[in-house]
Amino acid sequence: MIANGVALLDGGHRVGVFIGRFLHNRKQVNAQVKTEFVDQSEFELADMYVKTFVVFLNCLLFSTLVPLIPFFGAVFFWIKYFVDKNNMLFVYIQKQESGGKLRDSTKNFMIFNLVFYMIAMSSFYSNKLGN
């Protein structure tokens, strides 16, 4: 399976799978027929988008302080675009039919991120220039 761009931020799920596998194997110690552990969790599109927006907002906020961050952010989102495009077209196509509602909510999150960025940078520079 192709991992998404924020797989490193998926610590909660990975810890849950580790504990589930451990408990499953502990139950199977004395069993005659041993079964393999199966992860029943599904891909959470909303959770992935929230983590992606956090990365986007951090790239925006810290790009004014460290000029190299936009380059790494652009590479991250360029790779993430192709990976998520493949996931949406071939892997998760049956589960994620939204009828355009996902695009509208994504647009609202992007506008919120940009407005928050402009307010944060305006207050930062007005504070620096005011002293």
C-alpha atoms as a PDB file:
ATOM      1  CA  MET A   1       0.000   0.000   0.000  1.00  0.00           C
ATOM      2  CA  ILE A   2       1.275   3.471  -0.800  1.00  0.00           C
ATOM      3  CA  ALA A   3       1.635   5.620   2.300  1.00  0.00           C
ATOM      4  CA  ASN A   4       0.371   9.179   2.343  1.00  0.00           C
ATOM      5  CA  GLY A   5       2.601  12.189   2.885  1.00  0.00           C
ATOM      6  CA  VAL A   6       1.919  12.522   6.587  1.00  0.00           C
ATOM      7  CA  ALA A   7       2.488   8.896   7.524  1.00  0.00           C
ATOM      8  CA  LEU A   8       5.104  10.014  10.035  1.00  0.00           C
ATOM      9  CA  LEU A   9       2.357  11.840  11.939  1.00  0.00           C
ATOM     10  CA  ASP A  10       0.285   8.662  12.211  1.00  0.00           C
ATOM     11  CA  GLY A  11       1.678   7.736  15.625  1.00  0.00           C
ATOM     12  CA  GLY A  12      -1.654   7.057  17.320  1.00  0.00           C
ATOM     13  CA  HIS A  13      -2.733   4.532  14.720  1.00  0.00           C
ATOM     14  CA  ARG A  14       0.653   2.806  14.713  1.00  0.00           C
ATOM     15  CA  VAL A  15       0.651   2.506  18.511  1.00  0.00           C
ATOM     16  CA  GLY A  16      -2.885   1.088  18.387  1.00  0.00           C
ATOM     17  CA  VAL A  17      -1.883  -1.486  15.772  1.00  0.00           C
ATOM     18  CA  PHE A  18       1.183  -2.456  17.818  1.00  0.00           C
ATOM     19  CA  ILE A  19      -0.903  -2.964  20.975  1.00  0.00           C
ATOM     20  CA  GLY A  20      -3.613  -4.826  19.031  1.00  0.00           C
ATOM     21  CA  ARG A  21      -1.057  -7.149  17.437  1.00  0.00           C
ATOM     22  CA  PHE A  22       0.574  -7.775  20.819  1.00  0.00           C
ATOM     23  CA  LEU A  23      -2.754  -8.625  22.498  1.00  0.00           C
ATOM     24  CA  HIS A  24      -3.810 -10.801  19.550  1.00  0.00           C
ATOM     25  CA  ASN A  25      -0.550 -12.769  19.635  1.00  0.00           C
ATOM     26  CA  ARG A  26      -0.818 -13.173  23.401  1.00  0.00           C
ATOM     27  CA  LYS A  27      -4.294 -14.723  23.007  1.00  0.00           C
ATOM     28  CA  GLN A  28      -2.988 -17.052  20.306  1.00  0.00           C
ATOM     29  CA  VAL A  29      -0.128 -18.566  22.356  1.00  0.00           C
ATOM     30  CA  ASN A  30      -1.968 -21.772  23.316  1.00  0.00           C
ATOM     31  CA  ALA A  31      -4.339 -21.923  20.334  1.00  0.00           C
ATOM     32  CA  GLN A  32      -4.345 -24.958  18.070  1.00  0.00           C
ATOM     33  CA  VAL A  33      -5.029 -22.910  14.935  1.00  0.00           C
ATOM     34  CA  LYS A  34      -3.312 -19.536  14.954  1.00  0.00           C
ATOM     35  CA  THR A  35      -4.699 -16.671  12.911  1.00  0.00           C
ATOM     36  CA  GLU A  36      -2.861 -13.631  11.615  1.00  0.00           C
ATOM     37  CA  PHE A  37      -3.620 -10.187  13.068  1.00  0.00           C
ATOM     38  CA  VAL A  38      -5.711  -8.022  10.720  1.00  0.00           C
ATOM     39  CA  ASP A  39      -5.836  -4.246  11.083  1.00  0.00           C
ATOM     40  CA  GLN A  40      -9.519  -3.254  10.723  1.00  0.00           C
ATOM     41  CA  SER A  41      -9.029   0.525  10.818  1.00  0.00           C
ATOM     42  CA  GLU A  42      -9.914   2.524   7.724  1.00  0.00           C
ATOM     43  CA  PHE A  43      -8.144   5.398   6.020  1.00  0.00           C
ATOM     44  CA  GLU A  44      -9.393   8.581   7.640  1.00  0.00           C
ATOM     45  CA  LEU A  45      -9.486  11.228   4.940  1.00  0.00           C
ATOM     46  CA  ALA A  46     -10.536  14.020   7.284  1.00  0.00           C
ATOM     47  CA  ASP A  47      -7.732  13.229   9.714  1.00  0.00           C
ATOM     48  CA  MET A  48      -5.213  13.244   6.885  1.00  0.00           C
ATOM     49  CA  TYR A  49      -6.441  16.622   5.654  1.00  0.00           C
ATOM     50  CA  VAL A  50      -6.238  18.154   9.120  1.00  0.00           C
ATOM     51  CA  LYS A  51      -2.620  17.035   9.466  1.00  0.00           C
ATOM     52  CA  THR A  52      -1.849  18.349   6.001  1.00  0.00           C
ATOM     53  CA  PHE A  53      -3.336  21.742   6.850  1.00  0.00           C
ATOM     54  CA  VAL A  54      -1.192  21.882   9.975  1.00  0.00           C
ATOM     55  CA  VAL A  55       1.908  21.264   7.848  1.00  0.00           C
ATOM     56  CA  PHE A  56       0.747  23.909   5.354  1.00  0.00           C
ATOM     57  CA  LEU A  57       0.119  26.497   8.055  1.00  0.00           C
ATOM     58  CA  ASN A  58       3.492  25.805   9.683  1.00  0.00           C
ATOM     59  CA  CYS A  59       5.195  26.220   6.313  1.00  0.00           C
ATOM     60  CA  LEU A  60       3.426  29.539   5.857  1.00  0.00           C
ATOM     61  CA  LEU A  61       4.157  30.849   9.330  1.00  0.00           C
ATOM     62  CA  PHE A  62       7.817  29.894   9.476  1.00  0.00           C
ATOM     63  CA  SER A  63       8.648  30.719   5.854  1.00  0.00           C
ATOM     64  CA  THR A  64       9.194  34.355   6.777  1.00  0.00           C
ATOM     65  CA  LEU A  65      11.752  33.403   9.429  1.00  0.00           C
ATOM     66  CA  VAL A  66      13.583  30.606   7.559  1.00  0.00           C
ATOM     67  CA  PRO A  67      13.740  31.154   3.780  1.00  0.00           C
ATOM     68  CA  LEU A  68      14.435  27.467   3.023  1.00  0.00           C
ATOM     69  CA  ILE A  69      11.091  26.250   4.371  1.00  0.00           C
ATOM     70  CA  PRO A  70       9.063  27.143   1.232  1.00  0.00           C
ATOM     71  CA  PHE A  71      11.382  24.944  -0.854  1.00  0.00           C
ATOM     72  CA  PHE A  72      10.935  21.930   1.440  1.00  0.00           C
ATOM     73  CA  GLY A  73       7.210  22.628   1.749  1.00  0.00           C
ATOM     74  CA  ALA A  74       6.878  22.759  -2.041  1.00  0.00           C
ATOM     75  CA  VAL A  75       8.726  19.445  -2.436  1.00  0.00           C
ATOM     76  CA  PHE A  76       6.564  17.876   0.303  1.00  0.00           C
ATOM     77  CA  PHE A  77       3.296  18.991  -1.304  1.00  0.00           C
ATOM     78  CA  TRP A  78       4.496  18.096  -4.811  1.00  0.00           C
ATOM     79  CA  ILE A  79       5.202  14.508  -3.740  1.00  0.00           C
ATOM     80  CA  LYS A  80       2.043  14.429  -1.619  1.00  0.00           C
ATOM     81  CA  TYR A  81      -0.051  15.488  -4.610  1.00  0.00           C
ATOM     82  CA  PHE A  82       1.013  12.476  -6.681  1.00  0.00           C
ATOM     83  CA  VAL A  83       0.673  10.034  -3.792  1.00  0.00           C
ATOM     84  CA  ASP A  84      -2.786  11.277  -2.799  1.00  0.00           C
ATOM     85  CA  LYS A  85      -3.888  11.403  -6.429  1.00  0.00           C
ATOM     86  CA  ASN A  86      -3.013   7.724  -6.781  1.00  0.00           C
ATOM     87  CA  ASN A  87      -4.744   6.892  -3.488  1.00  0.00           C
ATOM     88  CA  MET A  88      -7.942   8.677  -4.480  1.00  0.00           C
ATOM     89  CA  LEU A  89      -8.068   7.228  -7.990  1.00  0.00           C
ATOM     90  CA  PHE A  90      -7.196   3.611  -7.283  1.00  0.00           C
ATOM     91  CA  VAL A  91      -7.202   2.770  -3.563  1.00  0.00           C
ATOM     92  CA  TYR A  92      -9.984   4.662  -1.811  1.00  0.00           C
ATOM     93  CA  ILE A  93     -12.359   5.373  -4.702  1.00  0.00           C
ATOM     94  CA  GLN A  94     -15.347   3.440  -3.314  1.00  0.00           C
ATOM     95  CA  LYS A  95     -15.157   4.787   0.223  1.00  0.00           C
ATOM     96  CA  GLN A  96     -14.695   8.509  -0.449  1.00  0.00           C
ATOM     97  CA  GLU A  97     -17.578   9.638  -2.631  1.00  0.00           C
ATOM     98  CA  SER A  98     -18.413  13.113  -1.293  1.00  0.00           C
ATOM     99  CA  GLY A  99     -20.261  14.782  -4.154  1.00  0.00           C
ATOM    100  CA  GLY A 100     -18.076  17.913  -3.919  1.00  0.00           C
ATOM    101  CA  LYS A 101     -18.627  18.515  -0.206  1.00  0.00           C
ATOM    102  CA  LEU A 102     -15.003  17.695   0.571  1.00  0.00           C
ATOM    103  CA  ARG A 103     -13.799  20.331  -1.892  1.00  0.00           C
ATOM    104  CA  ASP A 104     -15.984  22.993  -0.281  1.00  0.00           C
ATOM    105  CA  SER A 105     -14.789  22.215   3.236  1.00  0.00           C
ATOM    106  CA  THR A 106     -11.186  22.102   2.016  1.00  0.00           C
ATOM    107  CA  LYS A 107     -11.615  25.517   0.444  1.00  0.00           C
ATOM    108  CA  ASN A 108     -12.888  26.890   3.762  1.00  0.00           C
ATOM    109  CA  PHE A 109      -9.884  25.466   5.626  1.00  0.00           C
ATOM    110  CA  MET A 110      -7.483  26.984   3.095  1.00  0.00           C
ATOM    111  CA  ILE A 111      -9.101  30.397   3.412  1.00  0.00           C
ATOM    112  CA  PHE A 112      -8.905  30.126   7.211  1.00  0.00           C
ATOM    113  CA  ASN A 113      -5.197  29.226   6.980  1.00  0.00           C
ATOM    114  CA  LEU A 114      -4.441  32.175   4.729  1.00  0.00           C
ATOM    115  CA  VAL A 115      -6.394  34.639   6.889  1.00  0.00           C
ATOM    116  CA  PHE A 116      -4.706  33.324  10.032  1.00  0.00           C
ATOM    117  CA  TYR A 117      -1.322  33.679   8.333  1.00  0.00           C
ATOM    118  CA  MET A 118      -2.034  37.269   7.277  1.00  0.00           C
ATOM    119  CA  ILE A 119      -3.221  38.224  10.759  1.00  0.00           C
ATOM    120  CA  ALA A 120      -0.216  36.566  12.414  1.00  0.00           C
ATOM    121  CA  MET A 121       2.292  38.214  10.063  1.00  0.00           C
ATOM    122  CA  SER A 122       0.570  41.615  10.277  1.00  0.00           C
ATOM    123  CA  SER A 123       0.633  41.541  14.060  1.00  0.00           C
ATOM    124  CA  PHE A 124       4.253  40.322  14.070  1.00  0.00           C
ATOM    125  CA  TYR A 125       5.494  43.078  11.750  1.00  0.00           C
ATOM    126  CA  SER A 126       3.376  45.808  13.343  1.00  0.00           C
ATOM    127  CA  ASN A 127       4.841  44.815  16.714  1.00  0.00           C
ATOM    128  CA  LYS A 128       8.409  44.835  15.344  1.00  0.00           C
ATOM    129  CA  LEU A 129       8.017  48.088  13.440  1.00  0.00           C
ATOM    130  CA  GLY A 130       6.169  49.790  16.284  1.00  0.00           C
ATOM    131  CA  ASN A 131       9.103  49.444  18.746  1.00  0.00           C
END
